[in-house]
C-alpha cells in the first residue's frame, strides 16, 4: 500500500485534500492500512519538507466484508502525519465512521 501511495504521487493535486482509496476483498487488508500510513510517513520525513509526497492527506480502505447487516463499519481511514493540506475534520469523521452499502 505504501509503494502504491508513493507511485501515485503524480496524480495528487496541489492545494487539495488528497485521499488514496483502496478497495479490500479480504478481512486483513484494513489491518495493513495503519502500517502502510506509518511507512509512508517515514518516507515523507526522509524526503524532507519540500517532498511532493506531502500532497497526500490520508488513505482509506473500503471493505466488502462488512456491511449494514453486520453493524460494523466497512470504511477505515488513516490520515498521514505530514500533509501539505490536512484532511478536514468533517471529511475525516465521515471516512472514519462511515458505512458504504
Protein backbone atom coordinates (compact mmCIF):
# COMPACT_ATOMS: atom_id res chain seq x y z
CA UNK A 1 0.00 0.00 0.00
CA UNK A 2 2.85 2.38 0.81
CA UNK A 3 4.53 1.64 -2.53
CA UNK A 4 1.24 2.37 -4.28
CA UNK A 5 0.88 5.68 -2.42
CA UNK A 6 4.38 6.70 -3.49
CA UNK A 7 3.85 5.57 -7.07
CA UNK A 8 0.57 7.54 -7.34
CA UNK A 9 2.23 10.84 -6.29
CA UNK A 10 1.96 12.42 -9.80
CA UNK A 11 -1.84 12.12 -9.53
CA UNK A 12 -2.13 14.11 -6.27
CA UNK A 13 -3.31 17.67 -6.82
CA UNK A 14 -1.51 20.66 -5.34
CA UNK A 15 -3.51 22.52 -2.69
CA UNK A 16 -6.22 19.85 -2.41
CA UNK A 17 -7.20 17.30 0.22
CA UNK A 18 -5.90 14.15 -1.49
CA UNK A 19 -7.05 10.77 -0.20
CA UNK A 20 -5.88 7.48 -1.68
CA UNK A 21 -8.67 4.88 -1.69
CA UNK A 22 -8.15 1.13 -1.62
CA UNK A 23 -10.88 -1.49 -2.02
CA UNK A 24 -10.48 -4.59 0.11
CA UNK A 25 -11.77 -8.04 -0.70
CA UNK A 26 -10.24 -9.64 2.38
CA UNK A 27 -10.54 -9.24 6.14
CA UNK A 28 -6.87 -8.43 6.68
CA UNK A 29 -6.21 -5.59 4.23
CA UNK A 30 -7.79 -3.00 6.53
CA UNK A 31 -5.37 -4.10 9.26
CA UNK A 32 -2.45 -3.21 6.99
CA UNK A 33 -3.60 0.39 6.47
CA UNK A 34 -2.15 1.90 9.69
CA UNK A 35 1.19 0.20 8.98
CA UNK A 36 1.20 1.47 5.41
CA UNK A 37 0.50 5.03 6.57
CA UNK A 38 3.36 4.85 9.11
CA UNK A 39 5.70 3.56 6.40
CA UNK A 40 4.55 6.36 4.08
CA UNK A 41 5.09 8.95 6.84
CA UNK A 42 8.65 7.65 7.28
CA UNK A 43 9.28 8.10 3.54
CA UNK A 44 7.89 11.66 3.65
CA UNK A 45 10.01 12.54 6.69
CA UNK A 46 13.16 11.22 4.97
CA UNK A 47 12.32 13.12 1.75
CA UNK A 48 12.03 16.43 3.60
CA UNK A 49 9.64 19.35 3.81
CA UNK A 50 9.66 20.05 0.07
CA UNK A 51 8.62 16.49 -0.86
CA UNK A 52 5.68 16.26 -3.27
CA UNK A 53 4.56 13.21 -1.26
CA UNK A 54 3.22 15.69 1.30
CA UNK A 55 0.26 16.27 -1.04
CA UNK A 56 -1.33 13.03 0.24
CA UNK A 57 -3.51 13.72 3.27
CA UNK A 58 -4.70 10.21 4.06
CA UNK A 59 -5.52 6.71 2.93
CA UNK A 60 -8.74 4.78 3.26
CA UNK A 61 -9.96 1.23 2.70
CA UNK A 62 -13.48 0.26 1.66
CA UNK A 63 -14.20 -3.35 2.53
CA UNK A 64 -16.85 -5.59 1.06
CA UNK A 65 -16.55 -8.00 4.01
CA UNK A 66 -18.51 -5.85 6.46
CA UNK A 67 -21.69 -4.01 5.77
CA UNK A 68 -25.04 -2.88 7.12
CA UNK A 69 -26.07 -6.42 8.08
CA UNK A 70 -23.04 -6.84 10.39
CA UNK A 71 -23.40 -3.49 12.15
CA UNK A 72 -19.68 -2.88 11.57
CA UNK A 73 -18.16 -0.04 9.58
CA UNK A 74 -16.74 -1.06 6.25
CA UNK A 75 -14.59 2.07 5.95
CA UNK A 76 -11.17 2.56 7.56
CA UNK A 77 -9.40 5.93 7.28
CA UNK A 78 -5.90 6.91 8.41
CA UNK A 79 -4.58 10.45 7.96
CA UNK A 80 -0.94 11.00 7.05
CA UNK A 81 1.26 12.87 9.54
CA UNK A 82 2.83 15.49 7.25
CA UNK A 83 0.25 16.63 4.68
CA UNK A 84 0.68 19.99 2.99
CA UNK A 85 -3.12 20.39 3.22
CA UNK A 86 -4.56 18.29 6.08
CA UNK A 87 -7.85 16.47 5.66
CA UNK A 88 -10.67 18.50 7.19
CA UNK A 89 -12.31 17.27 10.39
CA UNK A 90 -15.74 16.65 8.83
CA UNK A 91 -14.29 14.69 5.93
CA UNK A 92 -12.06 12.64 8.23
CA UNK A 93 -15.01 11.95 10.51
CA UNK A 94 -17.15 10.82 7.57
CA UNK A 95 -14.43 8.42 6.42
CA UNK A 96 -13.59 7.23 9.92
CA UNK A 97 -17.11 6.32 10.93
CA UNK A 98 -18.63 5.63 7.55
CA UNK A 99 -20.72 2.86 6.17
CA UNK A 100 -20.73 2.37 2.42
CA UNK A 101 -23.54 -0.01 1.47
